[in-house]
Amino acid sequence: MRISPFSPIYFFNGAIDDAIRGYMHIYSPTDRILIEVFHLLGEEIGELILHDADKGDIVSDLTWNTVGINASDRLSFYELRDLLPGCYILTFGKFRSLPIYITSEPNILNRTVLIQYAMRDNRCRKDIISWIGGNCRYHDFRISGGFKDNDWKFLVENEQFLSDEQDIVEIDALEYTEKLLTIGSSSGVPIWVCRYG
């Protein structure tokens, strides 16, 4: 069994590094948090359970969706969304997630950036499946950070032609803007966050 490295929630088994322990996932209730687990046919991965992080109470038993990849491999997935604001932990089998903080507070969400991604097809990689039943499923990953005003570059990519009279003729031009994404706070981010970059 393996958890997709593109699942936006960090799961651990056993001890956890102190650098990661203090990190908390921040999401909006409208974000789609897609968790994917690859396993063999007949392999038990355990029930997916949503817990209240403060009290430890079970909020909900969630049901995995499972699809066949080939004769022996399966994908179990679940998309968390529309959660009420609060702090949660997910567990399944021997795995436990870092806390997930769901908020609709604009002053918190405005300091984050939502990254949505999917693969163009299921042949690009073997550790993520974006297309299930003909529908594209996006992964949402929200991270503390933003785009600073002084980290913008206004650029142009063009193709020019020099005529016989030495006049420059513009054949094609494409204007674009580059923005540098700054992530984390003064305490930084855990190294596993960089896998999304």
Protein backbone atom coordinates (compact mmCIF):
# COMPACT_ATOMS: atom_id res chain seq x y z
CA MET A 1 0.00 0.00 0.00
CA ARG A 2 1.21 3.50 -0.78
CA ILE A 3 -0.33 6.93 -0.31
CA SER A 4 0.00 9.12 -3.38
CA PRO A 5 2.68 11.75 -2.79
CA PHE A 6 0.29 14.20 -4.47
CA SER A 7 -2.38 13.78 -1.80
CA PRO A 8 -2.43 17.21 -0.12
CA ILE A 9 -2.60 15.82 3.43
CA TYR A 10 0.53 14.56 5.16
CA PHE A 11 0.06 11.13 6.75
CA PHE A 12 2.58 9.50 9.06
CA ASN A 13 3.01 6.16 10.77
CA GLY A 14 4.71 6.12 14.18
CA ALA A 15 7.01 8.88 15.35
CA ILE A 16 7.01 12.24 13.66
CA ASP A 17 9.79 14.77 13.28
CA ASP A 18 9.46 17.89 15.48
CA ALA A 19 9.88 20.13 12.41
CA ILE A 20 6.70 18.64 10.93
CA ARG A 21 4.75 18.32 14.19
CA GLY A 22 3.92 22.04 14.43
CA TYR A 23 2.69 22.32 10.83
CA MET A 24 -1.05 22.52 10.22
CA HIS A 25 -2.89 22.23 6.90
CA ILE A 26 -5.19 25.21 6.32
CA TYR A 27 -8.14 24.82 3.96
CA SER A 28 -11.36 26.56 3.03
CA PRO A 29 -14.66 24.62 3.28
CA THR A 30 -14.92 24.90 -0.52
CA ASP A 31 -11.52 23.28 -1.21
CA ARG A 32 -11.45 19.71 -2.57
CA ILE A 33 -9.00 17.62 -0.56
CA LEU A 34 -8.41 14.47 -2.62
CA ILE A 35 -6.71 11.55 -0.87
CA GLU A 36 -5.47 8.64 -3.01
CA VAL A 37 -4.15 5.29 -1.76
CA PHE A 38 -2.79 2.61 -4.11
CA HIS A 39 -3.03 -1.02 -2.98
CA LEU A 40 -3.32 -4.59 -4.18
CA LEU A 41 -6.61 -6.34 -4.83
CA GLY A 42 -7.79 -7.79 -1.50
CA GLU A 43 -5.38 -5.69 0.59
CA GLU A 44 -7.12 -4.02 3.54
CA ILE A 45 -6.24 -0.35 3.91
CA GLY A 46 -8.50 0.40 6.85
CA GLU A 47 -11.51 2.57 7.38
CA LEU A 48 -11.06 6.30 6.77
CA ILE A 49 -12.15 8.19 9.90
CA LEU A 50 -12.48 11.94 10.46
CA HIS A 51 -11.75 13.00 14.07
CA ASP A 52 -12.22 16.26 15.94
CA ALA A 53 -8.59 17.25 16.62
CA ASP A 54 -9.38 19.02 19.88
CA LYS A 55 -11.62 16.43 21.53
CA GLY A 56 -10.49 13.29 19.71
CA ASP A 57 -14.12 12.34 19.01
CA ILE A 58 -15.07 10.64 15.76
CA VAL A 59 -16.86 13.13 13.51
CA SER A 60 -17.55 10.75 10.64
CA ASP A 61 -16.70 7.34 9.22
CA LEU A 62 -15.92 7.97 5.58
CA THR A 63 -16.33 5.41 2.80
CA TRP A 64 -13.50 4.93 0.34
CA ASN A 65 -14.31 4.94 -3.37
CA THR A 66 -12.36 2.12 -5.03
CA VAL A 67 -11.58 1.59 -8.70
CA GLY A 68 -9.53 -1.04 -10.47
CA ILE A 69 -6.34 0.02 -12.21
CA ASN A 70 -5.48 -3.39 -13.63
CA ALA A 71 -5.98 -7.05 -12.67
CA SER A 72 -4.03 -6.72 -9.40
CA ASP A 73 -3.89 -3.02 -8.47
CA ARG A 74 -6.60 -0.82 -6.98
CA LEU A 75 -7.00 2.85 -6.15
CA SER A 76 -9.03 3.88 -3.11
CA PHE A 77 -9.78 7.59 -2.95
CA TYR A 78 -11.86 10.07 -1.02
CA GLU A 79 -12.55 13.74 -1.66
CA LEU A 80 -13.06 15.81 1.49
CA ARG A 81 -15.12 18.94 0.93
CA ASP A 82 -17.84 21.05 2.50
CA LEU A 83 -16.46 20.47 6.02
CA LEU A 84 -17.64 22.75 8.77
CA PRO A 85 -14.97 25.11 10.13
CA GLY A 86 -12.87 23.40 12.79
CA CYS A 87 -9.74 21.35 13.33
CA TYR A 88 -9.67 17.71 12.19
CA ILE A 89 -7.41 14.67 11.97
CA LEU A 90 -7.82 11.79 9.52
CA THR A 91 -6.87 8.21 10.30
CA PHE A 92 -6.91 4.95 8.38
CA GLY A 93 -5.16 1.71 9.22
CA LYS A 94 -1.88 2.61 10.94
CA PHE A 95 -1.73 6.10 9.41
CA ARG A 96 -2.62 9.43 11.01
CA SER A 97 -2.68 12.89 9.39
CA LEU A 98 -1.31 16.17 10.60
CA PRO A 99 -4.11 18.50 11.80
CA ILE A 100 -6.36 19.97 9.13
CA TYR A 101 -7.73 23.42 9.96
CA ILE A 102 -10.87 24.33 8.00
CA THR A 103 -11.73 28.02 8.09
CA SER A 104 -13.77 30.55 6.17
CA GLU A 105 -12.05 33.51 7.87
CA PRO A 106 -10.88 35.90 5.11
CA ASN A 107 -7.96 37.25 7.19
CA ILE A 108 -6.50 33.71 7.38
CA LEU A 109 -7.33 32.55 3.84
CA ASN A 110 -5.98 35.78 2.30
CA ARG A 111 -2.51 34.77 3.54
CA THR A 112 -2.69 31.48 1.64
CA VAL A 113 -2.49 30.41 -1.99
CA LEU A 114 -4.66 27.65 -3.46
CA ILE A 115 -2.83 25.42 -5.93
CA GLN A 116 -5.03 23.14 -8.06
CA TYR A 117 -3.44 20.49 -10.21
CA ALA A 118 -4.18 17.40 -12.27
CA MET A 119 -2.34 15.30 -14.81
CA ARG A 120 -3.37 15.50 -18.48
CA ASP A 121 -3.86 11.72 -18.49
CA ASN A 122 -3.27 8.70 -16.26
CA ARG A 123 -0.16 7.62 -18.16
CA CYS A 124 2.08 10.47 -16.96
CA ARG A 125 2.89 8.90 -13.59
CA LYS A 126 2.14 5.77 -11.61
CA ASP A 127 1.54 7.48 -8.24
CA ILE A 128 -1.40 9.74 -9.13
CA ILE A 129 -4.63 9.20 -11.03
CA SER A 130 -6.44 12.34 -12.19
CA TRP A 131 -8.99 10.80 -14.55
CA ILE A 132 -11.58 8.49 -12.99
CA GLY A 133 -14.64 7.40 -14.94
CA GLY A 134 -13.97 9.99 -17.65
CA ASN A 135 -13.95 12.87 -15.13
CA CYS A 136 -10.89 14.90 -14.20
CA ARG A 137 -10.37 15.18 -10.43
CA TYR A 138 -8.20 18.06 -9.30
CA HIS A 139 -6.04 18.04 -6.20
CA ASP A 140 -6.32 21.22 -4.13
CA PHE A 141 -3.29 22.17 -2.06
CA ARG A 142 -3.44 25.35 0.03
CA ILE A 143 -0.27 26.79 1.45
CA SER A 144 0.71 29.87 3.44
CA GLY A 145 2.28 32.41 1.14
CA GLY A 146 1.57 34.83 -1.64
CA PHE A 147 2.91 36.98 -4.46
CA LYS A 148 4.89 40.07 -3.42
CA ASP A 149 4.51 43.22 -5.52
CA ASN A 150 8.25 43.51 -6.11
CA ASP A 151 8.52 39.93 -7.44
CA TRP A 152 6.61 40.55 -10.69
CA LYS A 153 8.31 40.65 -14.09
CA PHE A 154 6.58 41.92 -17.22
CA LEU A 155 8.15 40.19 -20.22
CA VAL A 156 7.65 39.67 -23.93
CA GLU A 157 8.63 36.77 -26.12
CA ASN A 158 8.81 37.90 -29.70
CA GLU A 159 10.07 36.97 -33.13
CA GLN A 160 11.36 39.67 -35.41
CA PHE A 161 12.45 39.91 -39.03
CA LEU A 162 14.99 42.29 -40.52
CA SER A 163 13.88 43.50 -43.97
CA ASP A 164 16.18 44.29 -46.89
CA GLU A 165 15.84 47.96 -45.96
CA GLN A 166 17.05 47.11 -42.42
CA ASP A 167 13.61 47.72 -40.90
CA ILE A 168 12.66 45.55 -37.94
CA VAL A 169 9.35 43.82 -38.57
CA GLU A 170 7.56 42.16 -35.67
CA ILE A 171 6.30 38.72 -36.79
CA ASP A 172 4.92 37.44 -33.52
CA ALA A 173 4.83 38.65 -29.92
CA LEU A 174 3.49 37.26 -26.69
CA GLU A 175 3.38 39.37 -23.54
CA TYR A 176 3.41 37.56 -20.22
CA THR A 177 3.95 38.16 -16.53
CA GLU A 178 6.14 36.12 -14.21
CA LYS A 179 5.25 36.15 -10.53
CA LEU A 180 7.43 34.65 -7.81
CA LEU A 181 5.47 32.65 -5.25
CA THR A 182 6.80 33.03 -1.72
CA ILE A 183 5.69 30.23 0.59
CA GLY A 184 5.69 29.75 4.33
CA SER A 185 6.13 32.12 7.22
CA SER A 186 9.16 33.05 9.29
CA SER A 187 9.27 29.45 10.55
CA GLY A 188 9.32 28.07 6.99
CA VAL A 189 7.50 24.97 5.74
CA PRO A 190 8.26 21.25 6.10
CA ILE A 191 10.40 19.75 3.32
CA TRP A 192 7.53 17.51 2.09
CA VAL A 193 5.63 20.66 1.02
CA CYS A 194 8.24 21.21 -1.71
CA ARG A 195 7.06 18.14 -3.63
CA TYR A 196 4.21 20.30 -4.98
CA GLY A 197 6.54 22.88 -6.49
